[in-house]
N, C-alpha and C. Protein backbone atom coordinates (compact mmCIF):
# COMPACT_ATOMS: atom_id res chain seq x y z
N GLY A 1 22.38 109.33 18.92
CA GLY A 1 23.49 109.47 17.99
C GLY A 1 23.17 109.02 16.59
N GLY A 2 21.90 108.87 16.26
CA GLY A 2 21.52 108.49 14.91
C GLY A 2 21.65 107.01 14.62
N LEU A 3 21.90 106.20 15.63
CA LEU A 3 22.02 104.75 15.43
C LEU A 3 20.63 104.11 15.46
N ALA A 4 20.42 103.13 14.60
CA ALA A 4 19.15 102.40 14.56
C ALA A 4 19.42 100.98 15.07
N PHE A 5 19.03 100.72 16.31
CA PHE A 5 19.30 99.43 16.92
C PHE A 5 18.24 98.41 16.51
N GLN A 6 18.72 97.19 16.22
CA GLN A 6 17.83 96.08 15.91
C GLN A 6 17.47 95.31 17.17
N GLN A 7 18.36 95.34 18.16
CA GLN A 7 18.18 94.57 19.38
C GLN A 7 19.03 95.21 20.47
N ILE A 8 18.53 95.23 21.72
CA ILE A 8 19.31 95.75 22.85
C ILE A 8 19.16 94.80 24.04
N SER A 9 20.10 94.91 24.97
CA SER A 9 20.07 94.12 26.19
C SER A 9 20.66 94.96 27.32
N ALA A 10 19.92 95.09 28.41
CA ALA A 10 20.39 95.87 29.55
C ALA A 10 21.01 94.95 30.59
N GLY A 11 22.22 95.27 31.00
CA GLY A 11 22.92 94.52 32.04
C GLY A 11 22.78 95.21 33.37
N GLY A 12 23.59 94.80 34.33
CA GLY A 12 23.53 95.39 35.66
C GLY A 12 23.94 96.85 35.69
N TRP A 13 24.98 97.19 34.92
CA TRP A 13 25.52 98.55 34.95
C TRP A 13 25.69 99.14 33.57
N HIS A 14 25.29 98.42 32.54
CA HIS A 14 25.50 98.88 31.17
C HIS A 14 24.43 98.29 30.26
N THR A 15 24.39 98.81 29.05
CA THR A 15 23.47 98.33 28.02
C THR A 15 24.26 98.16 26.73
N CYS A 16 23.90 97.16 25.95
CA CYS A 16 24.51 96.95 24.64
C CYS A 16 23.41 96.76 23.61
N GLY A 17 23.73 97.05 22.37
CA GLY A 17 22.77 96.87 21.29
C GLY A 17 23.46 96.59 19.98
N THR A 18 22.72 95.99 19.04
CA THR A 18 23.26 95.69 17.72
C THR A 18 22.55 96.53 16.66
N THR A 19 23.32 96.93 15.67
CA THR A 19 22.80 97.58 14.48
C THR A 19 23.12 96.67 13.30
N ASN A 20 22.80 97.10 12.09
CA ASN A 20 23.15 96.32 10.90
C ASN A 20 24.66 96.16 10.75
N ALA A 21 25.42 97.11 11.29
CA ALA A 21 26.85 97.14 11.03
C ALA A 21 27.74 96.80 12.22
N ALA A 22 27.25 97.01 13.45
CA ALA A 22 28.15 96.87 14.60
C ALA A 22 27.36 96.65 15.88
N THR A 23 28.10 96.37 16.95
CA THR A 23 27.54 96.26 18.30
C THR A 23 28.09 97.42 19.12
N TYR A 24 27.24 98.00 19.97
CA TYR A 24 27.62 99.15 20.79
C TYR A 24 27.26 98.88 22.24
N CYS A 25 28.04 99.46 23.16
CA CYS A 25 27.72 99.40 24.59
C CYS A 25 27.85 100.78 25.19
N TRP A 26 27.10 101.02 26.28
CA TRP A 26 27.20 102.29 27.00
C TRP A 26 26.82 102.07 28.45
N GLY A 27 27.24 102.99 29.31
CA GLY A 27 26.96 102.91 30.74
C GLY A 27 28.23 102.69 31.53
N ILE A 28 28.08 102.34 32.80
CA ILE A 28 29.22 102.07 33.66
C ILE A 28 29.82 100.74 33.27
N ASP A 29 31.13 100.72 33.13
CA ASP A 29 31.86 99.53 32.71
C ASP A 29 31.37 99.02 31.36
N ALA A 30 31.12 99.96 30.45
CA ALA A 30 30.65 99.61 29.10
C ALA A 30 31.83 99.12 28.27
N ILE A 31 32.40 98.01 28.68
CA ILE A 31 33.58 97.52 28.01
C ILE A 31 33.22 96.76 26.76
N GLY A 32 34.22 96.54 25.96
CA GLY A 32 34.04 95.90 24.67
C GLY A 32 34.65 96.74 23.58
N ALA A 33 34.96 98.00 23.91
CA ALA A 33 35.56 98.90 22.95
C ALA A 33 37.07 98.97 23.13
N GLY A 34 37.62 98.09 23.92
CA GLY A 34 39.05 98.15 24.23
C GLY A 34 39.22 98.70 25.63
N PRO A 35 40.44 98.98 26.06
CA PRO A 35 40.69 99.38 27.44
C PRO A 35 40.10 100.74 27.83
N SER A 36 39.76 101.58 26.89
CA SER A 36 39.13 102.85 27.24
C SER A 36 38.22 103.26 26.08
N PRO A 37 37.13 103.92 26.25
CA PRO A 37 36.60 104.31 27.55
C PRO A 37 35.89 103.14 28.22
N LEU A 38 35.98 103.10 29.54
CA LEU A 38 35.29 102.07 30.29
C LEU A 38 33.90 102.51 30.69
N GLU A 39 33.67 103.80 30.73
CA GLU A 39 32.35 104.32 31.05
C GLU A 39 31.98 105.35 29.99
N SER A 40 30.75 105.26 29.53
CA SER A 40 30.31 106.20 28.50
C SER A 40 28.80 106.39 28.60
N ASP A 41 28.37 107.63 28.45
CA ASP A 41 26.94 107.89 28.45
C ASP A 41 26.37 107.91 27.03
N VAL A 42 27.21 107.58 26.06
CA VAL A 42 26.77 107.42 24.68
C VAL A 42 27.28 106.08 24.15
N PRO A 43 26.64 105.50 23.16
CA PRO A 43 27.08 104.21 22.63
C PRO A 43 28.50 104.27 22.07
N VAL A 44 29.30 103.26 22.43
CA VAL A 44 30.67 103.11 21.95
C VAL A 44 30.75 101.77 21.21
N ALA A 45 31.32 101.78 20.02
CA ALA A 45 31.41 100.54 19.23
C ALA A 45 32.27 99.50 19.93
N VAL A 46 31.79 98.27 19.96
CA VAL A 46 32.54 97.15 20.50
C VAL A 46 33.63 96.81 19.50
N GLY A 47 34.85 96.64 19.99
CA GLY A 47 35.99 96.38 19.12
C GLY A 47 36.02 94.97 18.58
N SER A 48 36.94 94.68 17.75
CA SER A 48 37.29 93.38 17.17
C SER A 48 36.70 93.19 15.78
N GLY A 49 35.78 94.02 15.35
CA GLY A 49 35.21 93.90 14.01
C GLY A 49 34.21 92.77 13.84
N ARG A 50 33.87 92.07 14.91
CA ARG A 50 32.89 90.99 14.83
C ARG A 50 31.50 91.58 14.67
N ARG A 51 30.67 90.89 13.89
CA ARG A 51 29.29 91.32 13.71
C ARG A 51 28.39 90.33 14.42
N PHE A 52 27.71 90.80 15.44
CA PHE A 52 26.84 89.95 16.23
C PHE A 52 25.39 90.15 15.82
N LYS A 53 24.65 89.05 15.69
CA LYS A 53 23.23 89.17 15.37
C LYS A 53 22.44 89.55 16.61
N THR A 54 22.92 89.09 17.79
CA THR A 54 22.28 89.45 19.05
C THR A 54 23.35 89.64 20.11
N VAL A 55 23.00 90.42 21.13
CA VAL A 55 23.90 90.67 22.24
C VAL A 55 23.12 90.47 23.53
N TYR A 56 23.82 89.99 24.57
CA TYR A 56 23.20 89.69 25.85
C TYR A 56 24.08 90.30 26.93
N SER A 57 23.52 91.12 27.81
CA SER A 57 24.29 91.78 28.85
C SER A 57 23.92 91.24 30.22
N GLY A 58 24.95 90.90 31.01
CA GLY A 58 24.78 90.43 32.37
C GLY A 58 25.14 91.54 33.34
N GLY A 59 25.60 91.16 34.52
CA GLY A 59 25.95 92.15 35.53
C GLY A 59 26.96 93.16 35.04
N ALA A 60 28.16 92.70 34.67
CA ALA A 60 29.21 93.59 34.17
C ALA A 60 29.84 93.06 32.89
N THR A 61 29.27 92.01 32.32
CA THR A 61 29.79 91.41 31.09
C THR A 61 28.72 91.41 30.01
N SER A 62 29.16 91.13 28.80
CA SER A 62 28.24 90.97 27.68
C SER A 62 28.73 89.85 26.79
N CYS A 63 27.81 89.24 26.07
CA CYS A 63 28.14 88.21 25.09
C CYS A 63 27.39 88.51 23.80
N GLY A 64 28.00 88.18 22.69
CA GLY A 64 27.35 88.33 21.40
C GLY A 64 27.33 87.01 20.67
N LEU A 65 26.29 86.80 19.88
CA LEU A 65 26.19 85.61 19.03
C LEU A 65 26.34 86.01 17.57
N GLU A 66 27.24 85.31 16.87
CA GLU A 66 27.37 85.52 15.44
C GLU A 66 26.28 84.73 14.72
N GLU A 67 26.11 84.99 13.45
CA GLU A 67 25.10 84.28 12.64
C GLU A 67 25.27 82.77 12.72
N ASN A 68 26.51 82.29 12.81
CA ASN A 68 26.77 80.85 12.83
C ASN A 68 26.61 80.24 14.23
N GLY A 69 26.21 81.04 15.21
CA GLY A 69 25.98 80.55 16.56
C GLY A 69 27.18 80.60 17.48
N ALA A 70 28.33 81.06 16.99
CA ALA A 70 29.51 81.19 17.84
C ALA A 70 29.28 82.30 18.86
N ALA A 71 29.65 82.02 20.12
CA ALA A 71 29.47 82.98 21.20
C ALA A 71 30.80 83.62 21.58
N TYR A 72 30.77 84.92 21.78
CA TYR A 72 31.93 85.70 22.21
C TYR A 72 31.49 86.56 23.39
N CYS A 73 32.32 86.64 24.42
CA CYS A 73 31.98 87.44 25.59
C CYS A 73 33.13 88.39 25.94
N TRP A 74 32.80 89.43 26.72
CA TRP A 74 33.80 90.39 27.15
C TRP A 74 33.39 90.97 28.49
N GLY A 75 34.39 91.45 29.23
CA GLY A 75 34.17 92.06 30.54
C GLY A 75 35.02 91.38 31.59
N PRO A 76 34.75 91.66 32.88
CA PRO A 76 35.51 91.03 33.96
C PRO A 76 35.17 89.55 34.06
N ASN A 77 36.18 88.72 34.28
CA ASN A 77 36.00 87.27 34.29
C ASN A 77 36.13 86.72 35.71
N THR A 78 35.48 87.37 36.65
CA THR A 78 35.60 87.02 38.06
C THR A 78 35.23 85.57 38.33
N ASP A 79 34.13 85.10 37.75
CA ASP A 79 33.62 83.75 38.01
C ASP A 79 33.61 82.87 36.77
N GLY A 80 34.30 83.29 35.72
CA GLY A 80 34.31 82.52 34.47
C GLY A 80 33.22 82.90 33.49
N GLU A 81 32.53 84.02 33.74
CA GLU A 81 31.40 84.41 32.91
C GLU A 81 31.77 84.83 31.49
N VAL A 82 33.05 85.08 31.22
CA VAL A 82 33.47 85.35 29.85
C VAL A 82 33.61 84.04 29.07
N GLY A 83 33.69 82.94 29.79
CA GLY A 83 33.71 81.63 29.15
C GLY A 83 35.08 81.17 28.71
N THR A 84 36.12 81.64 29.40
CA THR A 84 37.48 81.25 29.06
C THR A 84 38.38 81.37 30.28
N GLU A 85 39.59 80.88 30.17
CA GLU A 85 40.61 81.01 31.22
C GLU A 85 41.57 82.12 30.82
N PRO A 86 42.24 82.79 31.71
CA PRO A 86 42.19 82.63 33.16
C PRO A 86 40.98 83.34 33.76
N VAL A 87 40.68 82.97 35.00
CA VAL A 87 39.56 83.51 35.76
C VAL A 87 40.12 84.20 36.99
N GLY A 88 39.50 85.29 37.41
CA GLY A 88 39.91 85.96 38.64
C GLY A 88 39.31 87.34 38.74
N SER A 89 39.34 87.88 39.95
CA SER A 89 38.71 89.18 40.21
C SER A 89 39.42 90.33 39.51
N THR A 90 40.65 90.14 39.07
CA THR A 90 41.37 91.20 38.36
C THR A 90 41.53 90.90 36.87
N ILE A 91 40.92 89.83 36.38
CA ILE A 91 41.04 89.43 34.97
C ILE A 91 39.90 90.06 34.19
N ARG A 92 40.26 90.79 33.12
CA ARG A 92 39.26 91.45 32.27
C ARG A 92 39.56 91.14 30.81
N TYR A 93 38.52 90.99 30.06
CA TYR A 93 38.64 90.83 28.61
C TYR A 93 37.98 92.05 27.99
N ASP A 94 38.82 92.95 27.46
CA ASP A 94 38.32 94.21 26.93
C ASP A 94 37.70 94.09 25.55
N LEU A 95 37.98 92.99 24.87
CA LEU A 95 37.42 92.76 23.53
C LEU A 95 36.71 91.41 23.51
N PRO A 96 35.75 91.21 22.61
CA PRO A 96 35.05 89.93 22.52
C PRO A 96 36.03 88.76 22.37
N THR A 97 35.82 87.75 23.22
CA THR A 97 36.69 86.58 23.30
C THR A 97 35.83 85.33 23.09
N PRO A 98 36.29 84.36 22.29
CA PRO A 98 35.47 83.16 22.06
C PRO A 98 35.19 82.40 23.35
N VAL A 99 33.95 81.97 23.52
CA VAL A 99 33.58 81.11 24.64
C VAL A 99 34.19 79.73 24.37
N SER A 100 34.86 79.17 25.37
CA SER A 100 35.53 77.88 25.18
C SER A 100 34.52 76.75 25.00
N GLY A 101 34.98 75.66 24.43
CA GLY A 101 34.14 74.48 24.27
C GLY A 101 33.63 74.26 22.88
N GLY A 102 33.65 75.28 22.02
CA GLY A 102 33.26 75.12 20.62
C GLY A 102 31.78 74.91 20.34
N LEU A 103 30.92 75.12 21.34
CA LEU A 103 29.48 74.95 21.10
C LEU A 103 28.93 76.09 20.26
N ARG A 104 27.85 75.83 19.56
CA ARG A 104 27.10 76.84 18.80
C ARG A 104 25.75 76.99 19.48
N PHE A 105 25.27 78.23 19.52
CA PHE A 105 24.04 78.53 20.25
C PHE A 105 23.02 79.19 19.34
N THR A 106 21.74 78.96 19.66
CA THR A 106 20.66 79.68 18.97
C THR A 106 20.23 80.88 19.78
N SER A 107 20.45 80.84 21.11
CA SER A 107 20.12 81.98 21.97
C SER A 107 20.88 81.83 23.28
N LEU A 108 20.99 82.95 23.99
CA LEU A 108 21.63 82.98 25.31
C LEU A 108 20.71 83.68 26.29
N ALA A 109 20.97 83.49 27.57
CA ALA A 109 20.32 84.25 28.64
C ALA A 109 21.42 84.65 29.60
N ALA A 110 21.38 85.91 30.03
CA ALA A 110 22.40 86.46 30.92
C ALA A 110 21.89 86.54 32.34
N GLY A 111 22.73 86.11 33.27
CA GLY A 111 22.47 86.30 34.69
C GLY A 111 23.43 87.35 35.23
N GLN A 112 23.47 87.50 36.54
CA GLN A 112 24.39 88.47 37.13
C GLN A 112 25.84 88.13 36.81
N SER A 113 26.22 86.86 36.98
CA SER A 113 27.60 86.43 36.73
C SER A 113 27.66 85.10 36.01
N SER A 114 26.63 84.79 35.24
CA SER A 114 26.61 83.53 34.49
C SER A 114 25.78 83.70 33.23
N TYR A 115 25.99 82.78 32.30
CA TYR A 115 25.23 82.73 31.05
C TYR A 115 24.77 81.31 30.81
N CYS A 116 23.62 81.16 30.20
CA CYS A 116 23.13 79.87 29.73
C CYS A 116 22.68 80.05 28.30
N GLY A 117 22.79 78.99 27.52
CA GLY A 117 22.37 79.08 26.14
C GLY A 117 21.75 77.79 25.64
N VAL A 118 20.87 77.95 24.66
CA VAL A 118 20.31 76.81 23.94
C VAL A 118 21.25 76.54 22.78
N THR A 119 21.78 75.33 22.72
CA THR A 119 22.72 74.99 21.65
C THR A 119 21.97 74.61 20.38
N THR A 120 22.71 74.56 19.29
CA THR A 120 22.11 74.18 18.02
C THR A 120 21.66 72.72 18.03
N SER A 121 22.14 71.93 18.98
CA SER A 121 21.67 70.54 19.13
C SER A 121 20.56 70.44 20.17
N GLU A 122 19.98 71.60 20.53
CA GLU A 122 18.81 71.70 21.41
C GLU A 122 19.08 71.21 22.84
N THR A 123 20.29 71.41 23.31
CA THR A 123 20.60 71.17 24.71
C THR A 123 20.84 72.53 25.37
N ILE A 124 20.95 72.53 26.68
CA ILE A 124 21.24 73.77 27.40
C ILE A 124 22.60 73.63 28.05
N ALA A 125 23.42 74.65 27.90
CA ALA A 125 24.74 74.68 28.53
C ALA A 125 24.93 76.03 29.20
N CYS A 126 25.59 76.03 30.36
CA CYS A 126 25.79 77.25 31.14
C CYS A 126 27.25 77.38 31.56
N TRP A 127 27.67 78.61 31.83
CA TRP A 127 29.01 78.87 32.32
C TRP A 127 29.00 80.12 33.19
N GLY A 128 30.06 80.25 34.01
CA GLY A 128 30.19 81.39 34.91
C GLY A 128 30.03 80.97 36.36
N ARG A 129 29.39 81.82 37.14
CA ARG A 129 29.22 81.56 38.58
C ARG A 129 28.23 80.41 38.77
N GLY A 130 28.63 79.44 39.59
CA GLY A 130 27.76 78.30 39.83
C GLY A 130 27.63 77.94 41.29
N THR A 131 28.19 78.76 42.19
CA THR A 131 28.23 78.41 43.61
C THR A 131 26.86 78.36 44.26
N SER A 132 25.85 78.92 43.63
CA SER A 132 24.49 78.83 44.16
C SER A 132 23.60 77.98 43.25
N GLY A 133 24.22 77.18 42.41
CA GLY A 133 23.47 76.30 41.52
C GLY A 133 23.06 76.92 40.20
N GLU A 134 23.59 78.10 39.86
CA GLU A 134 23.17 78.81 38.65
C GLU A 134 23.39 78.02 37.36
N LEU A 135 24.37 77.12 37.35
CA LEU A 135 24.69 76.39 36.13
C LEU A 135 23.89 75.11 35.98
N GLY A 136 23.13 74.76 37.01
CA GLY A 136 22.30 73.56 36.93
C GLY A 136 23.08 72.27 36.95
N SER A 137 24.32 72.34 37.38
CA SER A 137 25.18 71.15 37.33
C SER A 137 25.99 70.97 38.61
N GLY A 138 25.48 71.42 39.71
CA GLY A 138 26.23 71.37 40.96
C GLY A 138 26.47 72.77 41.50
N HIS A 139 27.48 72.89 42.29
CA HIS A 139 27.73 74.18 42.94
C HIS A 139 29.17 74.64 42.74
N GLU A 140 29.64 74.62 41.49
CA GLU A 140 30.98 75.09 41.18
C GLU A 140 30.92 76.03 40.00
N ASP A 141 31.84 77.01 39.98
CA ASP A 141 31.98 77.89 38.83
C ASP A 141 32.58 77.10 37.66
N SER A 142 32.32 77.57 36.44
CA SER A 142 32.93 76.94 35.26
C SER A 142 33.16 77.99 34.19
N SER A 143 34.37 78.03 33.66
CA SER A 143 34.67 78.94 32.56
C SER A 143 34.40 78.29 31.20
N THR A 144 33.98 77.04 31.21
CA THR A 144 33.59 76.32 29.99
C THR A 144 32.12 75.95 30.12
N PRO A 145 31.33 76.12 29.07
CA PRO A 145 29.93 75.73 29.15
C PRO A 145 29.77 74.27 29.56
N VAL A 146 28.90 74.04 30.56
CA VAL A 146 28.61 72.69 31.03
C VAL A 146 27.14 72.38 30.75
N PRO A 147 26.84 71.15 30.35
CA PRO A 147 25.45 70.82 30.03
C PRO A 147 24.58 70.81 31.29
N VAL A 148 23.35 71.29 31.13
CA VAL A 148 22.37 71.20 32.20
C VAL A 148 21.71 69.83 32.07
N PRO A 149 21.76 69.02 33.13
CA PRO A 149 21.20 67.67 33.03
C PRO A 149 19.69 67.69 32.74
N ARG A 150 19.26 66.75 31.94
CA ARG A 150 17.82 66.60 31.68
C ARG A 150 17.21 65.81 32.81
N LEU A 151 15.98 66.12 33.14
CA LEU A 151 15.28 65.38 34.20
C LEU A 151 14.53 64.20 33.63
């Protein structure tokens, strides 16, 4: 479609990428553009007017980082992977939503249903599904980033 992507990230069922002007997603459950279209075989602009320097795609969710390190996520919030309340199998965030906790990040990593990030204070914090230890802080889900303990 004539778009020049600076960065892309492939999730479980979708892909997202950033250009100089906007963030786009495509594929199955390529949400972020509002309630429709949910599936697209061409890039669809992510709504809200936010400009992300990088985007990270997980199983069915995506997160973007702004220049100032603020993280925003969108998609189904089954295990808290959008980083906010409420959480549940029928809860969806169709537009980028701020990750709770007020942390700033230099980078993120996406899992199937969780995210971890390096904060600007050089710590690691994770949120989302934690029942198998994904968050590094026990075996519970968290919709707020929790610090990964140092050894």
